[in-house]
Amino acid sequence: MAATLRAAKRFLQVPSKVTPSLSRSVFQVGREDLKNPNWMKVGLSLSSTVLLWVMLIKHHNYEMAEYERRKKEQDS
């Protein structure tokens, strides 16, 4: 029992000393230049957003037409 508790305490302890090299993100190379945006990323983001909105509106219109058709069919 005591050995289990010691193992659990050791596992749950927060390391007191974290070296800066281990705490930095591997994927962060440098700061992005805010005055010169990456226009490829901007274009892809905006075009994908527009595409998703168009698909959403198209699907909504299809669903509304189906709803109206079934409602008319049910009333008849």
PDB file of N, CA and C in Angstrom:
ATOM      1  N   MET A   1       0.822  -1.194   0.000  1.00  0.00           N
ATOM      2  CA  MET A   1       0.000   0.000   0.000  1.00  0.00           C
ATOM      3  C   MET A   1       0.867   1.258   0.000  1.00  0.00           C
ATOM      4  N   ALA A   2       1.875   1.267   0.851  1.00  0.00           N
ATOM      5  CA  ALA A   2       2.754   2.433   0.956  1.00  0.00           C
ATOM      6  C   ALA A   2       3.537   2.635  -0.339  1.00  0.00           C
ATOM      7  N   ALA A   3       3.945   1.542  -0.962  1.00  0.00           N
ATOM      8  CA  ALA A   3       4.690   1.647  -2.215  1.00  0.00           C
ATOM      9  C   ALA A   3       3.810   2.235  -3.311  1.00  0.00           C
ATOM     10  N   THR A   4       2.542   1.868  -3.307  1.00  0.00           N
ATOM     11  CA  THR A   4       1.601   2.400  -4.292  1.00  0.00           C
ATOM     12  C   THR A   4       1.408   3.894  -4.096  1.00  0.00           C
ATOM     13  N   LEU A   5       1.293   4.319  -2.838  1.00  0.00           N
ATOM     14  CA  LEU A   5       1.127   5.744  -2.560  1.00  0.00           C
ATOM     15  C   LEU A   5       2.366   6.536  -2.953  1.00  0.00           C
ATOM     16  N   ARG A   6       3.561   5.979  -2.684  1.00  0.00           N
ATOM     17  CA  ARG A   6       4.796   6.666  -3.083  1.00  0.00           C
ATOM     18  C   ARG A   6       4.870   6.803  -4.598  1.00  0.00           C
ATOM     19  N   ALA A   7       4.483   5.754  -5.319  1.00  0.00           N
ATOM     20  CA  ALA A   7       4.503   5.802  -6.780  1.00  0.00           C
ATOM     21  C   ALA A   7       3.504   6.831  -7.295  1.00  0.00           C
ATOM     22  N   ALA A   8       2.336   6.899  -6.669  1.00  0.00           N
ATOM     23  CA  ALA A   8       1.324   7.865  -7.089  1.00  0.00           C
ATOM     24  C   ALA A   8       1.798   9.286  -6.823  1.00  0.00           C
ATOM     25  N   LYS A   9       2.435   9.519  -5.661  1.00  0.00           N
ATOM     26  CA  LYS A   9       2.957  10.854  -5.347  1.00  0.00           C
ATOM     27  C   LYS A   9       4.020  11.264  -6.354  1.00  0.00           C
ATOM     28  N   ARG A  10       4.915  10.337  -6.685  1.00  0.00           N
ATOM     29  CA  ARG A  10       5.977  10.626  -7.639  1.00  0.00           C
ATOM     30  C   ARG A  10       5.389  10.942  -9.017  1.00  0.00           C
ATOM     31  N   PHE A  11       4.342  10.225  -9.382  1.00  0.00           N
ATOM     32  CA  PHE A  11       3.710  10.425 -10.687  1.00  0.00           C
ATOM     33  C   PHE A  11       3.004  11.777 -10.761  1.00  0.00           C
ATOM     34  N   LEU A  12       2.371  12.197  -9.669  1.00  0.00           N
ATOM     35  CA  LEU A  12       1.580  13.423  -9.667  1.00  0.00           C
ATOM     36  C   LEU A  12       2.386  14.675  -9.353  1.00  0.00           C
ATOM     37  N   GLN A  13       3.658  14.534  -8.988  1.00  0.00           N
ATOM     38  CA  GLN A  13       4.475  15.702  -8.679  1.00  0.00           C
ATOM     39  C   GLN A  13       4.717  16.536  -9.926  1.00  0.00           C
ATOM     40  N   VAL A  14       4.674  17.863  -9.731  1.00  0.00           N
ATOM     41  CA  VAL A  14       4.976  18.790 -10.815  1.00  0.00           C
ATOM     42  C   VAL A  14       6.472  19.058 -10.771  1.00  0.00           C
ATOM     43  N   PRO A  15       7.154  18.949 -11.889  1.00  0.00           N
ATOM     44  CA  PRO A  15       8.592  19.210 -11.867  1.00  0.00           C
ATOM     45  C   PRO A  15       8.855  20.661 -11.464  1.00  0.00           C
ATOM     46  N   SER A  16       9.796  20.851 -10.556  1.00  0.00           N
ATOM     47  CA  SER A  16      10.055  22.190 -10.038  1.00  0.00           C
ATOM     48  C   SER A  16      10.904  23.009 -10.989  1.00  0.00           C
ATOM     49  N   LYS A  17      11.657  22.356 -11.838  1.00  0.00           N
ATOM     50  CA  LYS A  17      12.560  23.081 -12.715  1.00  0.00           C
ATOM     51  C   LYS A  17      12.301  22.642 -14.161  1.00  0.00           C
ATOM     52  N   VAL A  18      11.854  23.574 -14.970  1.00  0.00           N
ATOM     53  CA  VAL A  18      11.618  23.287 -16.380  1.00  0.00           C
ATOM     54  C   VAL A  18      12.639  24.080 -17.174  1.00  0.00           C
ATOM     55  N   THR A  19      13.382  23.398 -17.996  1.00  0.00           N
ATOM     56  CA  THR A  19      14.387  24.107 -18.788  1.00  0.00           C
ATOM     57  C   THR A  19      13.701  24.829 -19.933  1.00  0.00           C
ATOM     58  N   PRO A  20      14.159  26.037 -20.266  1.00  0.00           N
ATOM     59  CA  PRO A  20      13.517  26.813 -21.333  1.00  0.00           C
ATOM     60  C   PRO A  20      13.537  26.107 -22.685  1.00  0.00           C
ATOM     61  N   SER A  21      14.568  25.326 -22.949  1.00  0.00           N
ATOM     62  CA  SER A  21      14.640  24.660 -24.250  1.00  0.00           C
ATOM     63  C   SER A  21      13.551  23.603 -24.396  1.00  0.00           C
ATOM     64  N   LEU A  22      13.128  23.000 -23.289  1.00  0.00           N
ATOM     65  CA  LEU A  22      12.084  21.987 -23.362  1.00  0.00           C
ATOM     66  C   LEU A  22      10.688  22.597 -23.351  1.00  0.00           C
ATOM     67  N   SER A  23      10.561  23.815 -22.835  1.00  0.00           N
ATOM     68  CA  SER A  23       9.234  24.412 -22.730  1.00  0.00           C
ATOM     69  C   SER A  23       8.834  25.179 -23.985  1.00  0.00           C
ATOM     70  N   ARG A  24       9.781  25.447 -24.878  1.00  0.00           N
ATOM     71  CA  ARG A  24       9.450  26.162 -26.111  1.00  0.00           C
ATOM     72  C   ARG A  24       8.768  25.240 -27.103  1.00  0.00           C
ATOM     73  N   SER A  25       7.913  25.823 -27.913  1.00  0.00           N
ATOM     74  CA  SER A  25       7.239  25.026 -28.925  1.00  0.00           C
ATOM     75  C   SER A  25       8.210  24.691 -30.049  1.00  0.00           C
ATOM     76  N   VAL A  26       8.132  23.484 -30.536  1.00  0.00           N
ATOM     77  CA  VAL A  26       9.000  23.055 -31.624  1.00  0.00           C
ATOM     78  C   VAL A  26       8.573  23.712 -32.929  1.00  0.00           C
ATOM     79  N   PHE A  27       7.288  24.002 -33.063  1.00  0.00           N
ATOM     80  CA  PHE A  27       6.755  24.484 -34.323  1.00  0.00           C
ATOM     81  C   PHE A  27       6.867  25.991 -34.493  1.00  0.00           C
ATOM     82  N   GLN A  28       7.191  26.725 -33.447  1.00  0.00           N
ATOM     83  CA  GLN A  28       7.277  28.173 -33.549  1.00  0.00           C
ATOM     84  C   GLN A  28       8.692  28.548 -33.971  1.00  0.00           C
ATOM     85  N   VAL A  29       8.838  28.975 -35.209  1.00  0.00           N
ATOM     86  CA  VAL A  29      10.152  29.322 -35.732  1.00  0.00           C
ATOM     87  C   VAL A  29      10.450  30.786 -35.463  1.00  0.00           C
ATOM     88  N   GLY A  30       9.507  31.640 -35.750  1.00  0.00           N
ATOM     89  CA  GLY A  30       9.701  33.073 -35.539  1.00  0.00           C
ATOM     90  C   GLY A  30       8.364  33.770 -35.521  1.00  0.00           C
ATOM     91  N   ARG A  31       8.394  35.040 -35.225  1.00  0.00           N
ATOM     92  CA  ARG A  31       7.150  35.810 -35.208  1.00  0.00           C
ATOM     93  C   ARG A  31       6.714  36.119 -36.637  1.00  0.00           C
ATOM     94  N   GLU A  32       5.400  36.134 -36.839  1.00  0.00           N
ATOM     95  CA  GLU A  32       4.884  36.467 -38.158  1.00  0.00           C
ATOM     96  C   GLU A  32       4.960  37.970 -38.371  1.00  0.00           C
ATOM     97  N   ASP A  33       5.223  38.378 -39.591  1.00  0.00           N
ATOM     98  CA  ASP A  33       5.287  39.789 -39.934  1.00  0.00           C
ATOM     99  C   ASP A  33       3.868  40.287 -40.164  1.00  0.00           C
ATOM    100  N   LEU A  34       3.364  41.116 -39.251  1.00  0.00           N
ATOM    101  CA  LEU A  34       1.984  41.585 -39.343  1.00  0.00           C
ATOM    102  C   LEU A  34       1.791  42.628 -40.438  1.00  0.00           C
ATOM    103  N   LYS A  35       2.866  43.259 -40.873  1.00  0.00           N
ATOM    104  CA  LYS A  35       2.752  44.278 -41.925  1.00  0.00           C
ATOM    105  C   LYS A  35       2.745  43.664 -43.318  1.00  0.00           C
ATOM    106  N   ASN A  36       3.140  42.416 -43.421  1.00  0.00           N
ATOM    107  CA  ASN A  36       3.176  41.736 -44.714  1.00  0.00           C
ATOM    108  C   ASN A  36       2.481  40.386 -44.562  1.00  0.00           C
ATOM    109  N   PRO A  37       1.131  40.359 -44.655  1.00  0.00           N
ATOM    110  CA  PRO A  37       0.412  39.101 -44.433  1.00  0.00           C
ATOM    111  C   PRO A  37       0.675  38.077 -45.534  1.00  0.00           C
ATOM    112  N   ASN A  38       0.474  36.831 -45.190  1.00  0.00           N
ATOM    113  CA  ASN A  38       0.616  35.738 -46.146  1.00  0.00           C
ATOM    114  C   ASN A  38      -0.691  35.671 -46.941  1.00  0.00           C
ATOM    115  N   TRP A  39      -0.670  36.215 -48.143  1.00  0.00           N
ATOM    116  CA  TRP A  39      -1.902  36.351 -48.923  1.00  0.00           C
ATOM    117  C   TRP A  39      -2.457  35.006 -49.367  1.00  0.00           C
ATOM    118  N   MET A  40      -1.611  33.989 -49.459  1.00  0.00           N
ATOM    119  CA  MET A  40      -2.097  32.655 -49.815  1.00  0.00           C
ATOM    120  C   MET A  40      -2.988  32.115 -48.694  1.00  0.00           C
ATOM    121  N   LYS A  41      -2.549  32.273 -47.446  1.00  0.00           N
ATOM    122  CA  LYS A  41      -3.358  31.827 -46.309  1.00  0.00           C
ATOM    123  C   LYS A  41      -4.649  32.626 -46.209  1.00  0.00           C
ATOM    124  N   VAL A  42      -4.548  33.938 -46.429  1.00  0.00           N
ATOM    125  CA  VAL A  42      -5.734  34.796 -46.352  1.00  0.00           C
ATOM    126  C   VAL A  42      -6.737  34.378 -47.415  1.00  0.00           C
ATOM    127  N   GLY A  43      -6.267  34.159 -48.635  1.00  0.00           N
ATOM    128  CA  GLY A  43      -7.147  33.756 -49.723  1.00  0.00           C
ATOM    129  C   GLY A  43      -7.793  32.409 -49.474  1.00  0.00           C
ATOM    130  N   LEU A  44      -7.011  31.447 -48.989  1.00  0.00           N
ATOM    131  CA  LEU A  44      -7.570  30.126 -48.696  1.00  0.00           C
ATOM    132  C   LEU A  44      -8.595  30.192 -47.575  1.00  0.00           C
ATOM    133  N   SER A  45      -8.317  30.993 -46.559  1.00  0.00           N
ATOM    134  CA  SER A  45      -9.262  31.117 -45.441  1.00  0.00           C
ATOM    135  C   SER A  45     -10.574  31.734 -45.899  1.00  0.00           C
ATOM    136  N   LEU A  46     -10.483  32.829 -46.635  1.00  0.00           N
ATOM    137  CA  LEU A  46     -11.705  33.497 -47.086  1.00  0.00           C
ATOM    138  C   LEU A  46     -12.484  32.644 -48.077  1.00  0.00           C
ATOM    139  N   SER A  47     -11.778  32.009 -49.013  1.00  0.00           N
ATOM    140  CA  SER A  47     -12.492  31.203 -50.008  1.00  0.00           C
ATOM    141  C   SER A  47     -13.151  29.984 -49.366  1.00  0.00           C
ATOM    142  N   SER A  48     -12.490  29.374 -48.394  1.00  0.00           N
ATOM    143  CA  SER A  48     -13.118  28.228 -47.738  1.00  0.00           C
ATOM    144  C   SER A  48     -14.320  28.666 -46.908  1.00  0.00           C
ATOM    145  N   THR A  49     -14.241  29.851 -46.305  1.00  0.00           N
ATOM    146  CA  THR A  49     -15.379  30.374 -45.545  1.00  0.00           C
ATOM    147  C   THR A  49     -16.562  30.637 -46.465  1.00  0.00           C
ATOM    148  N   VAL A  50     -16.295  31.268 -47.602  1.00  0.00           N
ATOM    149  CA  VAL A  50     -17.366  31.544 -48.566  1.00  0.00           C
ATOM    150  C   VAL A  50     -17.959  30.239 -49.074  1.00  0.00           C
ATOM    151  N   LEU A  51     -17.124  29.266 -49.377  1.00  0.00           N
ATOM    152  CA  LEU A  51     -17.609  27.971 -49.857  1.00  0.00           C
ATOM    153  C   LEU A  51     -18.515  27.307 -48.826  1.00  0.00           C
ATOM    154  N   LEU A  52     -18.111  27.329 -47.560  1.00  0.00           N
ATOM    155  CA  LEU A  52     -18.939  26.719 -46.520  1.00  0.00           C
ATOM    156  C   LEU A  52     -20.277  27.432 -46.375  1.00  0.00           C
ATOM    157  N   TRP A  53     -20.282  28.769 -46.443  1.00  0.00           N
ATOM    158  CA  TRP A  53     -21.540  29.512 -46.346  1.00  0.00           C
ATOM    159  C   TRP A  53     -22.450  29.207 -47.536  1.00  0.00           C
ATOM    160  N   VAL A  54     -21.877  29.122 -48.730  1.00  0.00           N
ATOM    161  CA  VAL A  54     -22.679  28.810 -49.922  1.00  0.00           C
ATOM    162  C   VAL A  54     -23.286  27.421 -49.787  1.00  0.00           C
ATOM    163  N   MET A  55     -22.494  26.463 -49.332  1.00  0.00           N
ATOM    164  CA  MET A  55     -23.011  25.107 -49.153  1.00  0.00           C
ATOM    165  C   MET A  55     -24.103  25.067 -48.088  1.00  0.00           C
ATOM    166  N   LEU A  56     -23.925  25.833 -47.013  1.00  0.00           N
ATOM    167  CA  LEU A  56     -24.920  25.880 -45.946  1.00  0.00           C
ATOM    168  C   LEU A  56     -26.234  26.468 -46.449  1.00  0.00           C
ATOM    169  N   ILE A  57     -26.161  27.571 -47.179  1.00  0.00           N
ATOM    170  CA  ILE A  57     -27.379  28.214 -47.692  1.00  0.00           C
ATOM    171  C   ILE A  57     -28.064  27.320 -48.715  1.00  0.00           C
ATOM    172  N   LYS A  58     -27.268  26.670 -49.571  1.00  0.00           N
ATOM    173  CA  LYS A  58     -27.828  25.764 -50.570  1.00  0.00           C
ATOM    174  C   LYS A  58     -28.565  24.602 -49.895  1.00  0.00           C
ATOM    175  N   HIS A  59     -27.957  24.042 -48.866  1.00  0.00           N
ATOM    176  CA  HIS A  59     -28.579  22.931 -48.144  1.00  0.00           C
ATOM    177  C   HIS A  59     -29.832  23.403 -47.412  1.00  0.00           C
ATOM    178  N   HIS A  60     -29.779  24.594 -46.847  1.00  0.00           N
ATOM    179  CA  HIS A  60     -30.950  25.144 -46.160  1.00  0.00           C
ATOM    180  C   HIS A  60     -32.114  25.316 -47.139  1.00  0.00           C
ATOM    181  N   ASN A  61     -31.824  25.853 -48.321  1.00  0.00           N
ATOM    182  CA  ASN A  61     -32.876  26.035 -49.324  1.00  0.00           C
ATOM    183  C   ASN A  61     -33.460  24.691 -49.754  1.00  0.00           C
ATOM    184  N   TYR A  62     -32.609  23.682 -49.895  1.00  0.00           N
ATOM    185  CA  TYR A  62     -33.086  22.343 -50.250  1.00  0.00           C
ATOM    186  C   TYR A  62     -33.997  21.793 -49.154  1.00  0.00           C
ATOM    187  N   GLU A  63     -33.580  21.953 -47.896  1.00  0.00           N
ATOM    188  CA  GLU A  63     -34.383  21.464 -46.772  1.00  0.00           C
ATOM    189  C   GLU A  63     -35.722  22.191 -46.693  1.00  0.00           C
ATOM    190  N   MET A  64     -35.723  23.494 -46.931  1.00  0.00           N
ATOM    191  CA  MET A  64     -36.972  24.258 -46.888  1.00  0.00           C
ATOM    192  C   MET A  64     -37.913  23.829 -48.014  1.00  0.00           C
ATOM    193  N   ALA A  65     -37.369  23.592 -49.205  1.00  0.00           N
ATOM    194  CA  ALA A  65     -38.194  23.126 -50.314  1.00  0.00           C
ATOM    195  C   ALA A  65     -38.783  21.752 -50.001  1.00  0.00           C
ATOM    196  N   GLU A  66     -37.986  20.884 -49.411  1.00  0.00           N
ATOM    197  CA  GLU A  66     -38.469  19.553 -49.030  1.00  0.00           C
ATOM    198  C   GLU A  66     -39.553  19.660 -47.957  1.00  0.00           C
ATOM    199  N   TYR A  67     -39.362  20.564 -47.005  1.00  0.00           N
ATOM    200  CA  TYR A  67     -40.351  20.783 -45.952  1.00  0.00           C
ATOM    201  C   TYR A  67     -41.673  21.269 -46.547  1.00  0.00           C
ATOM    202  N   GLU A  68     -41.590  22.235 -47.444  1.00  0.00           N
ATOM    203  CA  GLU A  68     -42.804  22.763 -48.082  1.00  0.00           C
ATOM    204  C   GLU A  68     -43.497  21.684 -48.906  1.00  0.00           C
ATOM    205  N   ARG A  69     -42.713  20.857 -49.617  1.00  0.00           N
ATOM    206  CA  ARG A  69     -43.292  19.791 -50.430  1.00  0.00           C
ATOM    207  C   ARG A  69     -44.027  18.782 -49.548  1.00  0.00           C
ATOM    208  N   ARG A  70     -43.415  18.383 -48.446  1.00  0.00           N
ATOM    209  CA  ARG A  70     -44.048  17.406 -47.552  1.00  0.00           C
ATOM    210  C   ARG A  70     -45.260  17.998 -46.850  1.00  0.00           C
ATOM    211  N   LYS A  71     -45.184  19.280 -46.523  1.00  0.00           N
ATOM    212  CA  LYS A  71     -46.311  19.944 -45.873  1.00  0.00           C
ATOM    213  C   LYS A  71     -47.504  20.002 -46.829  1.00  0.00           C
ATOM    214  N   LYS A  72     -47.226  20.334 -48.091  1.00  0.00           N
ATOM    215  CA  LYS A  72     -48.288  20.396 -49.098  1.00  0.00           C
ATOM    216  C   LYS A  72     -48.855  19.004 -49.344  1.00  0.00           C
ATOM    217  N   GLU A  73     -47.984  17.999 -49.376  1.00  0.00           N
ATOM    218  CA  GLU A  73     -48.404  16.621 -49.599  1.00  0.00           C
ATOM    219  C   GLU A  73     -49.260  16.113 -48.438  1.00  0.00           C
ATOM    220  N   GLN A  74     -48.938  16.521 -47.230  1.00  0.00           N
ATOM    221  CA  GLN A  74     -49.672  16.091 -46.051  1.00  0.00           C
ATOM    222  C   GLN A  74     -51.057  16.742 -45.999  1.00  0.00           C
ATOM    223  N   ASP A  75     -51.165  17.995 -46.433  1.00  0.00           N
ATOM    224  CA  ASP A  75     -52.444  18.705 -46.422  1.00  0.00           C
ATOM    225  C   ASP A  75     -53.408  18.157 -47.467  1.00  0.00           C
ATOM    226  N   SER A  76     -52.883  17.626 -48.539  1.00  0.00           N
ATOM    227  CA  SER A  76     -53.752  17.152 -49.623  1.00  0.00           C
ATOM    228  C   SER A  76     -54.456  15.877 -49.289  1.00  0.00           C
TER     229      SER A  76
END
